[in-house]
Amino acid sequence: MPTFLPRDEDFQPIPALRLKPDGAHAVAVGDSSARNAAAFAAGTRVIAVHCDVPVFLRSGDATVSASATDHFLPAGTYLHLSVGDNRQSRHHTHLAALAADSAPGTLHISELE
């Protein structure tokens, strides 16, 4: 089956997604939970996240809140996450973050397509 995906050194397709137009979010994180203000688009199934400080993350709806018992993301790490879809699982529209050491930072979220 032909593909236009980039290929690795064994000539195998590398799954790749592009940045969704108007799908960039910046969330100021600190010692209280914060989340993206605008919901992810209904068609968004994957997001990429990066933060300049270590954070705890939780995905969910517009009321989601992160706590120190949630998933840990080290500072400077890029992570790709599924936010589900509306067919087989609940679609998560928001990502909440809490700074792990209370230092302020910025969580960058990119919706991918």
N, C-alpha and C. Protein backbone atom coordinates (compact mmCIF):
# COMPACT_ATOMS: atom_id res chain seq x y z
N MET A 1 0.85 -1.18 0.00
CA MET A 1 0.00 0.00 0.00
C MET A 1 0.89 1.24 0.00
N PRO A 2 0.71 2.14 -0.94
CA PRO A 2 1.55 3.34 -1.00
C PRO A 2 1.27 4.27 0.18
N THR A 3 2.30 4.99 0.59
CA THR A 3 2.16 5.96 1.67
C THR A 3 3.02 7.19 1.38
N PHE A 4 2.59 8.31 1.90
CA PHE A 4 3.36 9.55 1.77
C PHE A 4 4.05 9.90 3.08
N LEU A 5 4.01 8.97 4.05
CA LEU A 5 4.65 9.21 5.33
C LEU A 5 6.17 9.17 5.18
N PRO A 6 6.90 9.88 6.04
CA PRO A 6 8.36 9.75 6.01
C PRO A 6 8.74 8.32 6.36
N ARG A 7 9.93 7.91 5.95
CA ARG A 7 10.36 6.53 6.19
C ARG A 7 11.64 6.52 7.02
N ASP A 8 11.78 5.45 7.84
CA ASP A 8 12.99 5.30 8.65
C ASP A 8 14.10 4.67 7.80
N GLU A 9 15.25 4.36 8.43
CA GLU A 9 16.39 3.85 7.66
C GLU A 9 16.16 2.43 7.13
N ASP A 10 15.13 1.73 7.63
CA ASP A 10 14.74 0.43 7.08
C ASP A 10 13.62 0.57 6.05
N PHE A 11 13.33 1.81 5.66
CA PHE A 11 12.31 2.16 4.68
C PHE A 11 10.89 1.83 5.15
N GLN A 12 10.71 1.78 6.47
CA GLN A 12 9.39 1.56 7.04
C GLN A 12 8.73 2.91 7.30
N PRO A 13 7.41 3.04 7.02
CA PRO A 13 6.74 4.32 7.26
C PRO A 13 6.78 4.72 8.73
N ILE A 14 7.01 6.00 8.97
CA ILE A 14 6.98 6.56 10.32
C ILE A 14 5.65 7.28 10.48
N PRO A 15 4.82 6.85 11.43
CA PRO A 15 3.55 7.56 11.63
C PRO A 15 3.83 9.02 11.98
N ALA A 16 3.19 9.91 11.27
CA ALA A 16 3.43 11.34 11.49
C ALA A 16 2.11 12.10 11.39
N LEU A 17 1.97 13.08 12.22
CA LEU A 17 0.79 13.94 12.20
C LEU A 17 1.26 15.37 12.04
N ARG A 18 0.40 16.20 11.47
CA ARG A 18 0.78 17.61 11.31
C ARG A 18 0.10 18.45 12.37
N LEU A 19 0.60 19.66 12.54
CA LEU A 19 0.02 20.60 13.50
C LEU A 19 -1.30 21.10 12.96
N LYS A 20 -2.32 21.08 13.81
CA LYS A 20 -3.65 21.55 13.40
C LYS A 20 -3.67 23.07 13.44
N PRO A 21 -4.12 23.72 12.35
CA PRO A 21 -4.23 25.19 12.37
C PRO A 21 -5.11 25.65 13.55
N ASP A 22 -4.69 26.68 14.22
CA ASP A 22 -5.40 27.22 15.39
C ASP A 22 -5.52 26.20 16.52
N GLY A 23 -4.60 25.24 16.57
CA GLY A 23 -4.66 24.21 17.60
C GLY A 23 -3.56 24.32 18.64
N ALA A 24 -2.97 25.50 18.78
CA ALA A 24 -1.92 25.70 19.78
C ALA A 24 -2.52 26.30 21.06
N HIS A 25 -2.12 25.76 22.19
CA HIS A 25 -2.58 26.25 23.49
C HIS A 25 -1.37 26.47 24.38
N ALA A 26 -1.40 27.53 25.17
CA ALA A 26 -0.37 27.78 26.18
C ALA A 26 -1.08 27.94 27.52
N VAL A 27 -0.64 27.17 28.50
CA VAL A 27 -1.28 27.18 29.82
C VAL A 27 -0.23 27.58 30.85
N ALA A 28 -0.50 28.64 31.59
CA ALA A 28 0.39 29.06 32.68
C ALA A 28 0.18 28.09 33.85
N VAL A 29 1.26 27.42 34.27
CA VAL A 29 1.16 26.46 35.37
C VAL A 29 1.89 27.00 36.60
N GLY A 30 1.43 26.54 37.75
CA GLY A 30 2.02 26.96 39.01
C GLY A 30 1.55 26.05 40.12
N ASP A 31 1.35 26.63 41.31
CA ASP A 31 1.02 25.82 42.48
C ASP A 31 -0.46 25.48 42.60
N SER A 32 -1.27 25.86 41.61
CA SER A 32 -2.67 25.41 41.56
C SER A 32 -2.95 24.89 40.16
N SER A 33 -3.90 23.98 40.06
CA SER A 33 -4.20 23.35 38.78
C SER A 33 -4.72 24.37 37.78
N ALA A 34 -4.26 24.23 36.52
CA ALA A 34 -4.71 25.10 35.43
C ALA A 34 -4.97 24.21 34.21
N ARG A 35 -5.83 24.65 33.30
CA ARG A 35 -6.13 23.87 32.10
C ARG A 35 -6.28 24.79 30.91
N ASN A 36 -6.27 24.22 29.71
CA ASN A 36 -6.47 25.02 28.50
C ASN A 36 -7.86 25.65 28.53
N ALA A 37 -7.93 26.93 28.15
CA ALA A 37 -9.20 27.67 28.19
C ALA A 37 -10.15 27.21 27.09
N ALA A 38 -9.64 27.03 25.89
CA ALA A 38 -10.47 26.59 24.76
C ALA A 38 -10.39 25.07 24.64
N ALA A 39 -11.52 24.46 24.38
CA ALA A 39 -11.58 23.00 24.23
C ALA A 39 -10.84 22.56 22.97
N PHE A 40 -10.33 21.34 22.99
CA PHE A 40 -9.76 20.76 21.79
C PHE A 40 -10.88 20.57 20.77
N ALA A 41 -10.55 20.70 19.50
CA ALA A 41 -11.54 20.53 18.44
C ALA A 41 -12.12 19.11 18.52
N ALA A 42 -13.37 18.97 18.09
CA ALA A 42 -14.05 17.68 18.15
C ALA A 42 -13.30 16.60 17.37
N GLY A 43 -12.61 16.96 16.31
CA GLY A 43 -11.89 15.99 15.50
C GLY A 43 -10.49 15.69 15.98
N THR A 44 -10.00 16.38 17.00
CA THR A 44 -8.66 16.14 17.51
C THR A 44 -8.62 14.83 18.29
N ARG A 45 -7.70 13.95 17.89
CA ARG A 45 -7.54 12.66 18.57
C ARG A 45 -6.20 12.54 19.27
N VAL A 46 -5.22 13.36 18.84
CA VAL A 46 -3.87 13.31 19.42
C VAL A 46 -3.39 14.72 19.70
N ILE A 47 -2.73 14.89 20.85
CA ILE A 47 -2.10 16.16 21.19
C ILE A 47 -0.64 15.90 21.53
N ALA A 48 0.18 16.93 21.36
CA ALA A 48 1.58 16.89 21.79
C ALA A 48 1.72 17.92 22.90
N VAL A 49 2.44 17.56 23.97
CA VAL A 49 2.61 18.48 25.09
C VAL A 49 4.09 18.63 25.43
N HIS A 50 4.42 19.80 25.92
CA HIS A 50 5.78 20.12 26.38
C HIS A 50 5.65 21.18 27.47
N CYS A 51 6.43 21.04 28.52
CA CYS A 51 6.41 22.05 29.58
C CYS A 51 7.84 22.34 30.01
N ASP A 52 8.09 23.60 30.36
CA ASP A 52 9.43 24.00 30.78
C ASP A 52 9.70 23.76 32.26
N VAL A 53 8.70 23.30 33.00
CA VAL A 53 8.87 22.89 34.40
C VAL A 53 8.21 21.52 34.56
N PRO A 54 8.61 20.73 35.57
CA PRO A 54 7.96 19.44 35.78
C PRO A 54 6.52 19.64 36.24
N VAL A 55 5.61 18.83 35.68
CA VAL A 55 4.18 18.98 36.00
C VAL A 55 3.51 17.62 36.17
N PHE A 56 2.35 17.67 36.82
CA PHE A 56 1.43 16.54 36.89
C PHE A 56 0.29 16.85 35.92
N LEU A 57 -0.14 15.84 35.14
CA LEU A 57 -1.15 16.05 34.10
C LEU A 57 -2.36 15.16 34.31
N ARG A 58 -3.53 15.68 33.91
CA ARG A 58 -4.76 14.88 33.86
C ARG A 58 -5.61 15.42 32.73
N SER A 59 -6.14 14.53 31.89
CA SER A 59 -7.03 14.96 30.81
C SER A 59 -8.47 14.69 31.21
N GLY A 60 -9.39 15.44 30.57
CA GLY A 60 -10.80 15.28 30.89
C GLY A 60 -11.63 16.33 30.19
N ASP A 61 -12.71 16.73 30.86
CA ASP A 61 -13.61 17.74 30.30
C ASP A 61 -13.25 19.13 30.83
N ALA A 62 -14.16 20.07 30.66
CA ALA A 62 -13.90 21.47 31.04
C ALA A 62 -13.74 21.67 32.55
N THR A 63 -14.00 20.64 33.34
CA THR A 63 -13.87 20.76 34.80
C THR A 63 -12.65 20.00 35.34
N VAL A 64 -11.85 19.41 34.46
CA VAL A 64 -10.73 18.58 34.91
C VAL A 64 -9.74 19.41 35.73
N SER A 65 -9.18 18.75 36.75
CA SER A 65 -8.21 19.39 37.63
C SER A 65 -7.08 18.40 37.89
N ALA A 66 -5.85 18.88 37.90
CA ALA A 66 -4.69 18.02 38.14
C ALA A 66 -4.29 18.07 39.61
N SER A 67 -3.74 16.96 40.09
CA SER A 67 -3.25 16.90 41.47
C SER A 67 -1.89 16.20 41.48
N ALA A 68 -1.24 16.21 42.61
CA ALA A 68 0.10 15.63 42.75
C ALA A 68 0.10 14.11 42.63
N THR A 69 -1.06 13.49 42.51
CA THR A 69 -1.13 12.03 42.32
C THR A 69 -1.35 11.65 40.86
N ASP A 70 -1.39 12.64 39.97
CA ASP A 70 -1.62 12.38 38.55
C ASP A 70 -0.32 12.06 37.82
N HIS A 71 -0.41 11.92 36.51
CA HIS A 71 0.75 11.52 35.69
C HIS A 71 1.81 12.62 35.67
N PHE A 72 3.06 12.21 35.85
CA PHE A 72 4.18 13.14 35.94
C PHE A 72 4.83 13.32 34.57
N LEU A 73 5.09 14.56 34.21
CA LEU A 73 5.83 14.90 32.99
C LEU A 73 7.06 15.69 33.40
N PRO A 74 8.27 15.16 33.19
CA PRO A 74 9.49 15.90 33.53
C PRO A 74 9.64 17.15 32.66
N ALA A 75 10.28 18.16 33.17
CA ALA A 75 10.52 19.39 32.42
C ALA A 75 11.29 19.08 31.13
N GLY A 76 10.91 19.76 30.06
CA GLY A 76 11.62 19.63 28.80
C GLY A 76 11.30 18.38 28.00
N THR A 77 10.32 17.61 28.42
CA THR A 77 9.95 16.37 27.73
C THR A 77 8.78 16.61 26.79
N TYR A 78 8.88 16.05 25.57
CA TYR A 78 7.75 16.08 24.63
C TYR A 78 6.99 14.78 24.79
N LEU A 79 5.66 14.87 24.79
CA LEU A 79 4.81 13.69 24.97
C LEU A 79 3.62 13.79 24.02
N HIS A 80 3.30 12.71 23.34
CA HIS A 80 2.12 12.65 22.50
C HIS A 80 1.06 11.84 23.24
N LEU A 81 -0.16 12.37 23.29
CA LEU A 81 -1.25 11.73 24.02
C LEU A 81 -2.48 11.61 23.15
N SER A 82 -3.20 10.52 23.32
CA SER A 82 -4.50 10.37 22.68
C SER A 82 -5.55 11.04 23.58
N VAL A 83 -6.44 11.79 22.97
CA VAL A 83 -7.55 12.37 23.73
C VAL A 83 -8.86 11.68 23.37
N GLY A 84 -8.75 10.52 22.69
CA GLY A 84 -9.92 9.72 22.35
C GLY A 84 -10.65 10.26 21.15
N ASP A 85 -11.79 9.66 20.91
CA ASP A 85 -12.67 10.13 19.84
C ASP A 85 -14.11 9.95 20.30
N ASN A 86 -15.02 10.38 19.52
CA ASN A 86 -16.43 10.32 19.93
C ASN A 86 -17.09 9.00 19.56
N ARG A 87 -16.35 8.08 18.94
CA ARG A 87 -16.96 6.82 18.53
C ARG A 87 -16.77 5.73 19.57
N GLN A 88 -15.54 5.45 19.96
CA GLN A 88 -15.28 4.30 20.81
C GLN A 88 -14.96 4.67 22.26
N SER A 89 -14.60 5.88 22.50
CA SER A 89 -14.29 6.28 23.87
C SER A 89 -14.67 7.75 24.06
N ARG A 90 -14.68 8.15 25.27
CA ARG A 90 -15.02 9.54 25.57
C ARG A 90 -13.91 10.46 25.07
N HIS A 91 -14.27 11.53 24.41
CA HIS A 91 -13.31 12.50 23.89
C HIS A 91 -12.96 13.49 24.99
N HIS A 92 -11.69 13.56 25.35
CA HIS A 92 -11.24 14.53 26.35
C HIS A 92 -10.99 15.86 25.64
N THR A 93 -11.49 16.93 26.22
CA THR A 93 -11.42 18.25 25.59
C THR A 93 -10.42 19.19 26.25
N HIS A 94 -9.91 18.80 27.42
CA HIS A 94 -9.01 19.67 28.17
C HIS A 94 -7.88 18.87 28.81
N LEU A 95 -6.79 19.56 29.10
CA LEU A 95 -5.65 18.98 29.80
C LEU A 95 -5.31 19.91 30.96
N ALA A 96 -5.32 19.36 32.17
CA ALA A 96 -5.00 20.14 33.37
C ALA A 96 -3.56 19.83 33.78
N ALA A 97 -2.90 20.83 34.35
CA ALA A 97 -1.52 20.68 34.79
C ALA A 97 -1.32 21.37 36.14
N LEU A 98 -0.45 20.79 36.93
CA LEU A 98 -0.05 21.33 38.23
C LEU A 98 1.47 21.24 38.30
N ALA A 99 2.12 22.35 38.58
CA ALA A 99 3.59 22.35 38.68
C ALA A 99 4.01 21.41 39.80
N ALA A 100 4.98 20.55 39.54
CA ALA A 100 5.42 19.57 40.52
C ALA A 100 6.20 20.19 41.67
N ASP A 101 6.88 21.29 41.42
CA ASP A 101 7.67 21.93 42.47
C ASP A 101 7.22 23.37 42.74
N SER A 102 6.02 23.70 42.32
CA SER A 102 5.40 25.02 42.51
C SER A 102 6.05 26.14 41.72
N ALA A 103 7.11 25.86 40.99
CA ALA A 103 7.74 26.90 40.16
C ALA A 103 6.83 27.18 38.96
N PRO A 104 6.63 28.44 38.63
CA PRO A 104 5.76 28.76 37.49
C PRO A 104 6.42 28.39 36.17
N GLY A 105 5.59 28.04 35.22
CA GLY A 105 6.09 27.68 33.89
C GLY A 105 4.96 27.74 32.89
N THR A 106 5.23 27.26 31.68
CA THR A 106 4.22 27.25 30.62
C THR A 106 4.13 25.85 30.01
N LEU A 107 2.91 25.34 29.97
CA LEU A 107 2.63 24.08 29.30
C LEU A 107 2.15 24.42 27.90
N HIS A 108 2.82 23.87 26.89
CA HIS A 108 2.43 24.07 25.49
C HIS A 108 1.73 22.81 25.00
N ILE A 109 0.57 23.00 24.42
CA ILE A 109 -0.23 21.89 23.89
C ILE A 109 -0.47 22.17 22.41
N SER A 110 -0.19 21.16 21.58
CA SER A 110 -0.44 21.27 20.14
C SER A 110 -1.42 20.18 19.74
N GLU A 111 -2.53 20.59 19.13
CA GLU A 111 -3.46 19.62 18.57
C GLU A 111 -2.87 19.15 17.24
N LEU A 112 -2.95 17.83 17.01
CA LEU A 112 -2.37 17.25 15.80
C LEU A 112 -3.48 16.64 14.95
N GLU A 113 -3.21 16.58 13.63
CA GLU A 113 -4.18 15.94 12.73
C GLU A 113 -3.46 15.09 11.72
